[in-house]
Amino acid sequence: MGKHLVHGLAFPNREARDKAWKAFAADPVWQEARKESEKNGKLTDKVDSVIVMATDYSPVK
Protein backbone atom coordinates (compact mmCIF):
# COMPACT_ATOMS: atom_id res chain seq x y z
CA MET A 1 0.00 0.00 0.00
CA GLY A 2 1.35 3.43 -0.88
CA LYS A 3 1.45 6.67 1.03
CA HIS A 4 -1.88 8.22 1.98
CA LEU A 5 -3.08 11.59 3.16
CA VAL A 6 -6.47 11.70 4.83
CA HIS A 7 -8.17 14.84 6.02
CA GLY A 8 -11.64 15.57 7.28
CA LEU A 9 -13.68 18.68 6.69
CA ALA A 10 -17.14 19.57 7.96
CA PHE A 11 -19.78 21.52 6.08
CA PRO A 12 -23.39 22.25 7.01
CA ASN A 13 -24.60 20.69 3.74
CA ARG A 14 -23.42 19.55 0.31
CA GLU A 15 -24.25 22.86 -1.32
CA ALA A 16 -21.96 24.66 1.12
CA ARG A 17 -19.26 22.05 0.50
CA ASP A 18 -19.48 22.46 -3.27
CA LYS A 19 -19.37 26.25 -3.01
CA ALA A 20 -16.36 26.16 -0.67
CA TRP A 21 -14.38 23.73 -2.86
CA LYS A 22 -15.14 25.79 -5.97
CA ALA A 23 -13.90 28.95 -4.24
CA PHE A 24 -10.80 27.14 -2.95
CA ALA A 25 -9.93 25.79 -6.40
CA ALA A 26 -10.31 29.27 -7.91
CA ASP A 27 -8.16 30.99 -5.27
CA PRO A 28 -5.06 32.48 -6.96
CA VAL A 29 -2.90 31.93 -3.86
CA TRP A 30 -3.80 28.23 -3.84
CA GLN A 31 -3.27 27.94 -7.59
CA GLU A 32 0.23 29.40 -7.28
CA ALA A 33 1.09 27.22 -4.26
CA ARG A 34 -0.05 24.12 -6.12
CA LYS A 35 1.90 25.09 -9.21
CA GLU A 36 5.07 25.62 -7.17
CA SER A 37 4.66 22.38 -5.23
CA GLU A 38 4.27 20.36 -8.42
CA LYS A 39 7.35 21.68 -10.24
CA ASN A 40 9.00 18.26 -10.02
CA GLY A 41 5.84 16.28 -10.63
CA LYS A 42 2.34 15.86 -9.29
CA LEU A 43 1.94 15.32 -5.57
CA THR A 44 -1.04 13.01 -5.97
CA ASP A 45 -1.90 10.19 -8.32
CA LYS A 46 -5.51 9.83 -7.26
CA VAL A 47 -8.01 11.69 -5.09
CA ASP A 48 -10.99 9.96 -3.50
CA SER A 49 -13.77 11.88 -1.81
CA VAL A 50 -15.95 10.16 0.74
CA ILE A 51 -18.93 11.82 2.37
CA VAL A 52 -19.81 10.65 5.85
CA MET A 53 -22.67 11.85 8.00
CA ALA A 54 -22.39 12.44 11.73
CA THR A 55 -24.51 10.26 13.97
CA ASP A 56 -27.05 11.82 16.32
CA TYR A 57 -24.66 11.26 19.24
CA SER A 58 -21.56 12.58 17.45
CA PRO A 59 -19.68 15.44 19.12
CA VAL A 60 -19.31 16.92 15.63
CA LYS A 61 -22.97 17.93 15.70
C-alpha atoms as a PDB file:
ATOM      1  CA  MET A   1       0.000   0.000   0.000  1.00  0.00           C
ATOM      2  CA  GLY A   2       1.348   3.431  -0.879  1.00  0.00           C
ATOM      3  CA  LYS A   3       1.446   6.668   1.031  1.00  0.00           C
ATOM      4  CA  HIS A   4      -1.878   8.217   1.979  1.00  0.00           C
ATOM      5  CA  LEU A   5      -3.077  11.586   3.161  1.00  0.00           C
ATOM      6  CA  VAL A   6      -6.465  11.703   4.832  1.00  0.00           C
ATOM      7  CA  HIS A   7      -8.168  14.845   6.025  1.00  0.00           C
ATOM      8  CA  GLY A   8     -11.639  15.566   7.284  1.00  0.00           C
ATOM      9  CA  LEU A   9     -13.680  18.677   6.693  1.00  0.00           C
ATOM     10  CA  ALA A  10     -17.137  19.566   7.961  1.00  0.00           C
ATOM     11  CA  PHE A  11     -19.775  21.516   6.083  1.00  0.00           C
ATOM     12  CA  PRO A  12     -23.391  22.247   7.012  1.00  0.00           C
ATOM     13  CA  ASN A  13     -24.596  20.690   3.743  1.00  0.00           C
ATOM     14  CA  ARG A  14     -23.417  19.547   0.314  1.00  0.00           C
ATOM     15  CA  GLU A  15     -24.249  22.859  -1.325  1.00  0.00           C
ATOM     16  CA  ALA A  16     -21.958  24.660   1.124  1.00  0.00           C
ATOM     17  CA  ARG A  17     -19.260  22.046   0.501  1.00  0.00           C
ATOM     18  CA  ASP A  18     -19.482  22.456  -3.274  1.00  0.00           C
ATOM     19  CA  LYS A  19     -19.370  26.247  -3.006  1.00  0.00           C
ATOM     20  CA  ALA A  20     -16.358  26.161  -0.670  1.00  0.00           C
ATOM     21  CA  TRP A  21     -14.381  23.735  -2.860  1.00  0.00           C
ATOM     22  CA  LYS A  22     -15.140  25.794  -5.969  1.00  0.00           C
ATOM     23  CA  ALA A  23     -13.896  28.953  -4.242  1.00  0.00           C
ATOM     24  CA  PHE A  24     -10.802  27.139  -2.946  1.00  0.00           C
ATOM     25  CA  ALA A  25      -9.925  25.787  -6.399  1.00  0.00           C
ATOM     26  CA  ALA A  26     -10.310  29.272  -7.911  1.00  0.00           C
ATOM     27  CA  ASP A  27      -8.157  30.990  -5.270  1.00  0.00           C
ATOM     28  CA  PRO A  28      -5.059  32.480  -6.958  1.00  0.00           C
ATOM     29  CA  VAL A  29      -2.900  31.930  -3.864  1.00  0.00           C
ATOM     30  CA  TRP A  30      -3.800  28.226  -3.840  1.00  0.00           C
ATOM     31  CA  GLN A  31      -3.272  27.938  -7.591  1.00  0.00           C
ATOM     32  CA  GLU A  32       0.234  29.395  -7.277  1.00  0.00           C
ATOM     33  CA  ALA A  33       1.092  27.218  -4.260  1.00  0.00           C
ATOM     34  CA  ARG A  34      -0.055  24.123  -6.118  1.00  0.00           C
ATOM     35  CA  LYS A  35       1.904  25.087  -9.214  1.00  0.00           C
ATOM     36  CA  GLU A  36       5.070  25.622  -7.167  1.00  0.00           C
ATOM     37  CA  SER A  37       4.659  22.382  -5.227  1.00  0.00           C
ATOM     38  CA  GLU A  38       4.274  20.359  -8.418  1.00  0.00           C
ATOM     39  CA  LYS A  39       7.349  21.679 -10.244  1.00  0.00           C
ATOM     40  CA  ASN A  40       8.998  18.264 -10.021  1.00  0.00           C
ATOM     41  CA  GLY A  41       5.835  16.282 -10.628  1.00  0.00           C
ATOM     42  CA  LYS A  42       2.342  15.856  -9.289  1.00  0.00           C
ATOM     43  CA  LEU A  43       1.939  15.317  -5.572  1.00  0.00           C
ATOM     44  CA  THR A  44      -1.041  13.008  -5.970  1.00  0.00           C
ATOM     45  CA  ASP A  45      -1.902  10.192  -8.325  1.00  0.00           C
ATOM     46  CA  LYS A  46      -5.509   9.828  -7.256  1.00  0.00           C
ATOM     47  CA  VAL A  47      -8.006  11.690  -5.088  1.00  0.00           C
ATOM     48  CA  ASP A  48     -10.986   9.959  -3.500  1.00  0.00           C
ATOM     49  CA  SER A  49     -13.771  11.884  -1.814  1.00  0.00           C
ATOM     50  CA  VAL A  50     -15.950  10.156   0.741  1.00  0.00           C
ATOM     51  CA  ILE A  51     -18.928  11.819   2.369  1.00  0.00           C
ATOM     52  CA  VAL A  52     -19.810  10.651   5.852  1.00  0.00           C
ATOM     53  CA  MET A  53     -22.672  11.845   8.001  1.00  0.00           C
ATOM     54  CA  ALA A  54     -22.392  12.445  11.728  1.00  0.00           C
ATOM     55  CA  THR A  55     -24.511  10.265  13.969  1.00  0.00           C
ATOM     56  CA  ASP A  56     -27.050  11.821  16.323  1.00  0.00           C
ATOM     57  CA  TYR A  57     -24.663  11.263  19.243  1.00  0.00           C
ATOM     58  CA  SER A  58     -21.565  12.579  17.450  1.00  0.00           C
ATOM     59  CA  PRO A  59     -19.681  15.441  19.122  1.00  0.00           C
ATOM     60  CA  VAL A  60     -19.311  16.921  15.627  1.00  0.00           C
ATOM     61  CA  LYS A  61     -22.965  17.931  15.702  1.00  0.00           C
END
